[in-house]
Protein backbone atom coordinates (compact mmCIF):
# COMPACT_ATOMS: atom_id res chain seq x y z
CA MET A 1 7.34 -1.53 -14.65
CA LYS A 2 8.39 -3.69 -11.61
CA TYR A 3 6.19 -6.29 -10.01
CA ARG A 4 5.89 -7.84 -6.92
CA ILE A 5 4.55 -11.37 -6.13
CA HIS A 6 1.79 -11.96 -3.58
CA GLN A 7 2.96 -14.22 -1.26
CA LYS A 8 -0.34 -15.77 -0.56
CA THR A 9 -1.95 -15.78 -4.05
CA GLY A 10 0.92 -15.76 -6.51
CA ASP A 11 -0.37 -12.80 -8.22
CA ARG A 12 2.23 -10.69 -9.92
CA ILE A 13 1.20 -6.89 -9.31
CA SER A 14 2.67 -3.87 -10.65
CA GLU A 15 4.28 -1.44 -8.12
CA ILE A 16 2.47 1.16 -9.25
CA GLY A 17 -1.21 0.85 -9.29
CA ILE A 18 -4.12 3.32 -10.01
CA GLY A 19 -6.82 4.73 -7.63
CA SER A 20 -10.01 5.99 -9.24
CA SER A 21 -11.29 8.32 -6.89
CA TYR A 22 -11.47 11.28 -9.12
CA MET A 23 -11.26 9.46 -12.53
CA PHE A 24 -14.77 10.42 -13.55
CA GLN A 25 -14.04 13.91 -13.58
CA ALA A 26 -11.79 13.76 -16.72
CA GLY A 27 -14.31 12.68 -18.79
CA LYS A 28 -14.99 9.64 -20.38
CA GLU A 29 -12.81 10.32 -23.55
CA GLU A 30 -9.70 11.24 -21.65
CA ALA A 31 -10.23 8.80 -18.69
CA VAL A 32 -10.64 5.75 -21.08
CA LYS A 33 -7.29 6.83 -23.05
CA ALA A 34 -5.37 7.16 -19.68
CA LEU A 35 -6.27 3.55 -18.45
CA ARG A 36 -5.05 2.45 -21.58
CA ARG A 37 -2.07 4.14 -21.28
CA ALA A 38 -1.59 2.60 -17.72
CA VAL A 39 -1.89 -0.84 -19.17
CA ARG A 40 0.58 -0.03 -21.74
CA GLY A 41 3.41 0.98 -19.22
CA GLY A 42 2.87 -2.05 -17.33
CA ILE A 43 0.42 -0.87 -14.80
CA ASN A 44 -2.11 -3.78 -13.91
CA TYR A 45 -3.96 -3.29 -10.33
CA PHE A 46 -6.93 -1.00 -10.34
CA ASP A 47 -8.86 0.28 -7.28
CA LEU A 48 -12.78 0.80 -7.54
CA ALA A 49 -13.46 2.83 -4.66
CA ALA A 50 -14.63 5.61 -7.28
CA GLY A 51 -15.83 8.94 -6.61
CA ASP A 52 -18.78 8.41 -8.91
CA GLY A 53 -20.87 5.53 -10.42
CA SER A 54 -20.00 6.81 -13.94
CA THR A 55 -16.40 5.67 -13.55
CA PHE A 56 -17.33 1.96 -13.70
CA PRO A 57 -18.43 2.21 -17.58
CA ILE A 58 -15.37 4.06 -18.55
CA TYR A 59 -13.21 1.15 -16.96
CA GLY A 60 -15.90 -1.16 -18.98
CA GLU A 61 -15.04 0.53 -22.12
CA ALA A 62 -11.17 0.88 -21.30
CA PHE A 63 -10.83 -2.98 -20.65
CA ARG A 64 -13.14 -4.80 -22.48
CA ASP A 65 -10.40 -6.66 -24.18
CA LEU A 66 -8.08 -6.44 -21.34
CA ARG A 67 -9.90 -8.04 -18.56
CA LYS A 68 -7.46 -11.15 -18.00
CA ASP A 69 -4.73 -8.86 -17.90
CA ILE A 70 -5.44 -6.71 -14.98
CA PHE A 71 -6.85 -6.74 -10.93
CA PHE A 72 -9.76 -4.79 -10.01
CA GLN A 73 -10.42 -4.31 -6.14
CA ILE A 74 -14.15 -3.66 -5.75
CA HIS A 75 -15.92 -2.66 -2.50
CA PHE A 76 -18.23 -4.30 -0.62
CA GLY A 77 -19.96 -1.40 1.27
CA ALA A 78 -19.13 1.50 -1.38
CA ASP A 79 -22.84 2.14 -2.60
CA TYR A 80 -23.38 3.90 -6.23
CA THR A 81 -27.27 3.10 -6.15
CA ARG A 82 -27.72 7.06 -6.13
CA GLY A 83 -25.09 7.70 -8.58
CA THR A 84 -22.09 9.33 -6.41
CA TYR A 85 -20.28 7.43 -3.68
CA GLY A 86 -21.98 6.62 -0.42
CA TRP A 87 -21.02 4.08 2.18
CA THR A 88 -23.54 1.59 3.36
CA LEU A 89 -23.59 -1.69 5.59
CA ASP A 90 -27.21 -2.85 4.23
CA LEU A 91 -26.61 -6.12 2.64
CA GLU A 92 -29.32 -5.47 0.14
CA THR A 93 -27.91 -2.04 -0.78
CA ILE A 94 -24.58 -3.68 -1.34
CA LYS A 95 -25.97 -6.65 -3.64
CA ARG A 96 -27.42 -4.30 -5.73
CA SER A 97 -24.48 -1.92 -5.99
CA VAL A 98 -21.93 -4.58 -6.87
CA ASP A 99 -24.21 -6.32 -9.29
CA SER A 100 -24.57 -2.64 -11.40
CA GLN A 101 -20.67 -2.44 -10.94
CA LEU A 102 -20.01 -5.60 -12.63
CA ARG A 103 -22.38 -5.25 -15.47
CA ALA A 104 -21.05 -1.60 -15.87
CA LEU A 105 -17.52 -3.20 -15.82
CA HIS A 106 -18.47 -6.01 -18.27
CA THR A 107 -16.90 -8.92 -16.03
CA ASP A 108 -18.25 -11.70 -14.12
CA TYR A 109 -15.70 -12.05 -11.31
CA ILE A 110 -13.86 -9.70 -8.66
CA ASP A 111 -10.19 -10.45 -8.46
CA TYR A 112 -10.09 -8.65 -4.64
CA GLY A 113 -13.11 -8.19 -2.96
CA PHE A 114 -12.90 -5.99 -0.25
CA ILE A 115 -14.51 -5.57 3.28
CA HIS A 116 -14.74 -1.86 2.58
CA CYS A 117 -13.85 0.90 4.61
CA GLN A 118 -13.93 -0.52 8.67
CA ASP A 119 -12.79 1.82 10.96
CA GLU A 120 -14.45 1.21 14.23
CA VAL A 121 -15.53 -2.09 15.72
CA SER A 122 -18.85 -1.46 15.80
CA ASP A 123 -18.82 -1.15 11.82
CA TRP A 124 -17.02 -4.48 11.78
CA GLU A 125 -19.53 -6.27 14.28
CA THR A 126 -22.59 -4.53 11.98
CA TYR A 127 -21.00 -6.14 8.83
CA ARG A 128 -21.03 -9.35 9.85
CA GLU A 129 -24.31 -9.29 11.70
CA ASN A 130 -25.93 -7.85 8.67
CA GLY A 131 -24.60 -10.63 6.52
CA VAL A 132 -22.09 -8.54 4.34
CA TYR A 133 -19.38 -10.65 5.26
CA ASP A 134 -20.87 -13.97 4.58
CA TYR A 135 -22.28 -12.50 1.30
CA ILE A 136 -18.63 -12.25 0.44
CA LEU A 137 -17.62 -15.46 1.39
CA GLN A 138 -20.46 -17.06 -0.63
CA LEU A 139 -19.25 -15.02 -3.81
CA LYS A 140 -15.54 -16.54 -2.99
CA LYS A 141 -16.95 -19.99 -2.82
CA GLU A 142 -19.14 -19.59 -6.07
CA GLY A 143 -15.57 -17.76 -7.52
CA VAL A 144 -17.00 -14.86 -8.22
CA VAL A 145 -14.80 -13.22 -5.51
CA ARG A 146 -11.56 -14.72 -6.21
CA ARG A 147 -9.41 -12.95 -3.08
CA LEU A 148 -10.56 -11.11 -0.01
CA GLY A 149 -9.56 -7.81 1.13
CA LEU A 150 -9.83 -5.05 3.85
CA SER A 151 -9.92 -1.51 3.36
CA SER A 152 -9.34 0.37 6.76
CA HIS A 153 -7.15 3.69 8.14
CA THR A 154 -7.00 2.24 12.13
CA PRO A 155 -4.29 -0.24 13.03
CA SER A 156 -6.80 -1.61 15.91
CA LEU A 157 -9.49 -2.22 13.55
CA ILE A 158 -6.97 -3.92 11.24
CA ARG A 159 -5.58 -6.46 13.93
CA ARG A 160 -9.19 -7.22 14.69
CA VAL A 161 -10.30 -8.27 11.47
CA MET A 162 -7.08 -9.89 10.56
CA ASP A 163 -7.47 -11.93 14.15
CA ASP A 164 -11.42 -12.82 12.87
CA THR A 165 -10.73 -13.75 8.87
CA GLY A 166 -8.06 -14.65 6.29
CA ILE A 167 -7.84 -11.54 4.46
CA ASP A 168 -5.69 -11.57 1.53
CA MET A 169 -5.16 -7.77 0.82
CA LEU A 170 -4.99 -4.84 2.92
CA MET A 171 -5.87 -1.59 1.58
CA PHE A 172 -4.06 0.83 4.04
CA SER A 173 -3.50 4.83 4.07
CA VAL A 174 0.16 4.85 3.87
CA ASN A 175 2.47 7.99 3.57
CA PRO A 176 5.16 9.68 6.07
CA ALA A 177 2.41 12.36 7.01
CA TYR A 178 0.35 9.52 8.59
CA ASP A 179 2.66 7.42 9.83
CA TYR A 180 4.39 10.10 11.63
CA GLY A 181 1.06 11.37 13.29
CA GLN A 182 0.14 14.28 10.86
CA GLY A 183 -3.26 14.45 9.04
CA GLU A 184 -6.88 13.26 8.88
CA TYR A 185 -6.29 9.75 8.72
CA ALA A 186 -3.04 9.56 10.89
CA ASN A 187 -4.57 6.89 13.29
CA GLY A 188 -2.65 4.94 15.63
CA SER A 189 1.33 5.46 16.76
CA VAL A 190 4.38 5.17 15.28
CA ASP A 191 5.21 1.48 16.55
CA GLU A 192 1.41 0.59 15.92
CA ARG A 193 1.34 1.80 12.26
CA ALA A 194 4.83 -0.23 11.76
CA ALA A 195 3.67 -3.45 13.55
CA VAL A 196 0.59 -3.43 10.90
CA TYR A 197 3.32 -3.53 7.95
CA ARG A 198 5.52 -6.25 9.69
CA ARG A 199 2.10 -8.21 10.75
CA CYS A 200 0.94 -8.30 6.79
CA GLN A 201 4.80 -9.04 5.62
CA LYS A 202 5.09 -12.13 8.13
CA GLU A 203 1.31 -13.51 7.13
CA GLY A 204 1.64 -12.89 3.52
CA VAL A 205 -1.03 -10.52 3.30
CA GLY A 206 -0.21 -7.60 0.52
CA ILE A 207 -0.85 -4.06 0.99
CA SER A 208 -1.94 -1.91 -1.84
CA VAL A 209 -1.70 1.70 -0.77
CA MET A 210 -4.30 4.48 -0.48
CA LYS A 211 -3.56 8.36 -0.10
CA PRO A 212 0.51 8.04 -0.91
CA PHE A 213 0.26 12.05 -1.33
CA SER A 214 -2.05 12.56 1.51
CA GLY A 215 -4.85 13.70 -0.71
CA GLY A 216 -2.10 15.81 -2.43
CA GLN A 217 -1.25 17.88 0.50
CA LEU A 218 2.12 16.37 0.64
CA LEU A 219 3.17 17.61 -2.76
CA SER A 220 2.10 21.51 -1.55
CA ALA A 221 4.43 23.03 0.78
CA ASP A 222 1.36 25.47 1.76
CA LEU A 223 -0.48 22.35 2.12
CA SER A 224 1.63 20.03 3.75
CA PRO A 225 1.33 19.49 7.66
CA PHE A 226 5.31 19.99 7.35
CA GLY A 227 5.55 23.00 5.36
CA LYS A 228 7.67 21.19 3.09
CA ALA A 229 6.63 19.67 -0.24
CA LEU A 230 7.70 16.07 -1.30
CA THR A 231 7.64 14.83 -4.72
CA PRO A 232 5.55 12.21 -6.10
CA TYR A 233 8.29 9.86 -6.58
CA GLN A 234 9.55 10.42 -2.51
CA CYS A 235 6.15 9.48 -1.62
CA ILE A 236 5.93 6.47 -3.91
CA ARG A 237 9.38 5.08 -2.85
CA TYR A 238 8.56 5.53 0.76
CA CYS A 239 5.39 3.53 0.23
CA LEU A 240 7.06 0.83 -1.71
CA GLU A 241 9.80 0.51 1.23
CA ARG A 242 7.46 -0.33 3.91
CA PRO A 243 7.12 -4.16 4.71
CA GLY A 244 4.16 -5.72 2.98
CA VAL A 245 3.32 -3.02 0.32
CA LEU A 246 2.76 -4.48 -2.88
CA THR A 247 1.36 -1.61 -5.13
CA VAL A 248 0.60 2.05 -4.58
CA LEU A 249 -2.90 3.31 -5.63
CA ALA A 250 -1.88 6.61 -6.95
CA GLY A 251 -4.70 8.85 -8.37
CA ALA A 252 -4.80 9.81 -12.34
CA GLN A 253 -7.07 11.46 -14.42
CA SER A 254 -5.42 12.15 -17.66
CA VAL A 255 -2.67 10.43 -19.83
CA ARG A 256 -0.07 13.27 -18.53
CA GLU A 257 -1.01 12.32 -15.27
CA VAL A 258 -0.32 8.37 -15.57
CA GLU A 259 2.74 9.05 -17.53
CA THR A 260 4.42 11.27 -14.49
CA LEU A 261 3.47 8.12 -12.51
CA LEU A 262 5.33 6.04 -14.66
CA ALA A 263 8.50 8.22 -14.81
CA TYR A 264 9.07 7.04 -11.26
CA TYR A 265 11.27 4.62 -12.60
CA ASP A 266 13.43 6.95 -14.60
CA GLN A 267 14.54 9.22 -11.46
CA ALA A 268 17.80 9.48 -10.17
CA GLU A 269 18.48 7.71 -6.71
CA GLU A 270 18.69 11.71 -5.17
CA GLU A 271 15.45 12.43 -6.75
CA THR A 272 13.33 9.73 -4.85
CA ASP A 273 15.62 10.14 -1.43
CA TYR A 274 13.02 11.00 1.22
CA SER A 275 15.27 10.79 4.34
CA MET A 276 14.21 14.83 4.56
CA ILE A 277 11.35 13.48 6.18
CA ALA A 278 13.69 12.86 9.43
CA SER A 279 13.41 16.74 9.74
CA PHE A 280 10.07 16.56 10.73
CA ALA A 281 9.66 13.13 12.27
CA PRO A 282 8.55 13.11 15.86
CA PRO A 283 10.54 12.02 19.05
CA GLN A 284 9.16 8.83 19.21
CA ALA A 285 10.59 8.26 15.65
CA GLY A 286 14.20 9.08 16.24
CA GLY A 287 16.82 5.84 16.44
CA LYS A 288 14.68 3.92 14.30
CA CYS A 289 15.47 2.98 10.88
CA VAL A 290 12.93 3.50 8.18
CA TYR A 291 15.16 1.65 5.18
CA CYS A 292 15.79 5.06 3.31
CA ASN A 293 19.45 3.93 2.86
CA HIS A 294 20.67 7.54 2.98
CA CYS A 295 23.52 5.88 4.76
CA ARG A 296 24.77 4.45 1.57
CA PRO A 297 27.60 3.67 0.40
CA CYS A 298 28.56 1.26 2.87
CA PRO A 299 32.28 0.56 2.70
CA ALA A 300 31.65 -3.20 3.17
CA GLY A 301 28.99 -2.90 0.58
CA ILE A 302 26.13 -3.82 3.31
CA ASP A 303 22.71 -3.03 2.36
CA ILE A 304 21.92 -1.60 5.69
CA GLY A 305 18.61 -0.70 5.10
CA LEU A 306 17.47 -4.21 3.58
CA VAL A 307 19.67 -5.60 6.90
CA ASN A 308 17.48 -3.75 9.12
CA LYS A 309 14.62 -4.67 7.34
CA TYR A 310 15.01 -8.26 7.73
CA TYR A 311 15.82 -8.10 11.21
CA ASP A 312 12.93 -6.17 12.12
CA LEU A 313 10.58 -8.88 10.61
CA ALA A 314 12.70 -11.55 11.64
CA ALA A 315 12.28 -10.39 15.16
CA ALA A 316 8.55 -10.22 14.72
CA GLY A 317 8.57 -14.15 13.90
CA ASP A 318 8.80 -13.88 10.07
CA GLY A 319 10.69 -16.93 9.18
CA MET A 320 11.10 -15.68 5.34
CA ALA A 321 12.67 -12.67 6.26
CA LEU A 322 15.36 -14.93 8.11
CA GLN A 323 16.01 -17.02 5.11
CA HIS A 324 16.33 -13.79 3.14
CA TYR A 325 18.67 -12.35 5.49
CA ARG A 326 21.19 -15.36 5.21
CA ALA A 327 21.07 -15.13 1.64
CA LEU A 328 22.41 -11.90 1.39
CA SER A 329 25.86 -11.68 0.02
CA LYS A 330 26.84 -9.18 2.87
CA ASN A 331 25.18 -8.82 5.97
CA ALA A 332 25.87 -7.47 9.49
CA SER A 333 28.51 -9.84 10.23
CA HIS A 334 30.41 -7.78 7.69
CA CYS A 335 30.05 -4.60 9.51
CA VAL A 336 33.53 -3.39 10.16
CA THR A 337 32.22 -0.43 12.52
CA CYS A 338 33.62 2.25 10.91
CA GLY A 339 30.97 4.75 11.87
CA HIS A 340 30.22 5.94 8.18
CA CYS A 341 26.63 4.95 8.31
CA ASP A 342 26.02 6.32 12.21
CA ARG A 343 27.74 9.91 10.57
CA ARG A 344 24.92 9.82 7.68
CA CYS A 345 21.80 8.64 9.21
CA PRO A 346 19.26 11.21 9.33
CA PHE A 347 17.29 9.64 11.92
CA HIS A 348 20.40 9.41 14.29
CA VAL A 349 20.17 5.49 14.36
CA ARG A 350 23.41 4.06 15.58
CA GLN A 351 23.75 1.57 12.54
CA SER A 352 27.19 0.27 13.53
CA GLU A 353 25.88 -0.62 16.88
CA ARG A 354 22.96 -2.25 15.55
CA MET A 355 24.72 -4.18 13.06
CA GLN A 356 26.23 -6.12 16.23
CA GLU A 357 22.70 -6.44 17.62
CA ILE A 358 21.38 -7.75 14.26
CA ARG A 359 24.56 -10.32 13.94
CA ALA A 360 23.71 -11.56 17.60
CA PHE A 361 20.26 -12.09 16.69
CA MET A 362 20.58 -13.83 13.66
CA GLU A 363 23.46 -16.10 14.65
CA LYS A 364 21.05 -17.43 17.46
CA ALA A 365 17.75 -17.37 15.70
C-alpha cells in the first residue's frame, strides 16, 4: 500500500480506501473478514455512506480493536433511522442517526464529519438554516468531529461551500466518464471539474473519490457510455493522478474483491495505462494534458506528466507546485524538442511546444 499525506491535517491516508454502499449484502461474517483483510493490506480509510444501517455493527465488530489505526468518514445527512439509507436535512433526525452510528461503531469520535450530499444551493442554504452545519461545528469544537468534509457531485456547489467554509476533505465523484460529460453524475464541464481538482490541491483540501468505476458501468463494455470496458486498475490510476486526490474509495463486499483492489500495486505499467480514454474524450478535452504519461519515455528524462501537473497547479496560484517543480532533477528547461512526446500523445498535446511555455512561465514565477 502507498499512502498520501493530507496537506492540512497531516493524516497518512491509504491511496485505496473502501466504500460501503453494498457491504451489508455480503452478510456479517464475510464482510467482517473483508474489512479485516483490507486493514492487513494497508487500507486505513473507510467511507460510511452505507446502503443500509446494518453496515455499522459490521464495522463495529471488524474494527473494535483497530479503531486508532483507521479513519472513518461519517455523513451528517445520511439517515438510517428506518434501517435503509435515506437522505435528510432535518437536524433532530441527523442527531439521532449519527448517535446510533457511533454506538454501533463502538467509537466516540469521527475522523471526518461530512456535510452530506450537497448538490443544490437550496440544499446548502437549508443545511445552514436548519442548524445542521452549526451542529457539526459544535461537535468539532468538542473534539467529537476531528475534521470537516463535504460530499458533492456538483462543481458549482463545491465552489460555493468552499467559499463559505473551511473544509478539509471533499468527497467527489471522479472517473473519466464523469470528467468527460458521460453518466448520471457528470456535472460540470471538463474545465469546471479540472478547476475543482486544482483548487483542492492549492488549498490543501484532500479529495476522497466516490464512484471511481461509475457504479461498475465503466468495467463493462455493454454498460459503459463509451462502449469499451476499462479495468479497475485503469480507473484507480486515473483517479490517483488527478490533483488533490488522496484516496480512491472502491466498493468491496468480500475478501476476494478486497484482494482484487490490493492487486493494483502488482500491475505492470501497461495494465494501468488509461490513455485509451482519448478515443472517447470530447472535443473540448483535446490538446489538454491529463498526466497519463503515455508519452514516456522522454529521451531527455523529463517526467512530462508531472511537469504538466505542476505547471497547471502553479498557473492556478499553487506556490507549493512551483517549489516541487523546481526540485525536479529534470524539468521543461531540459526539453530538446525532439518531438517524441508529440507523436505519442493520445490527446494531441503539442508537448514540445508546451515545454517551452512551461519553461518561460516557471522562470518568471
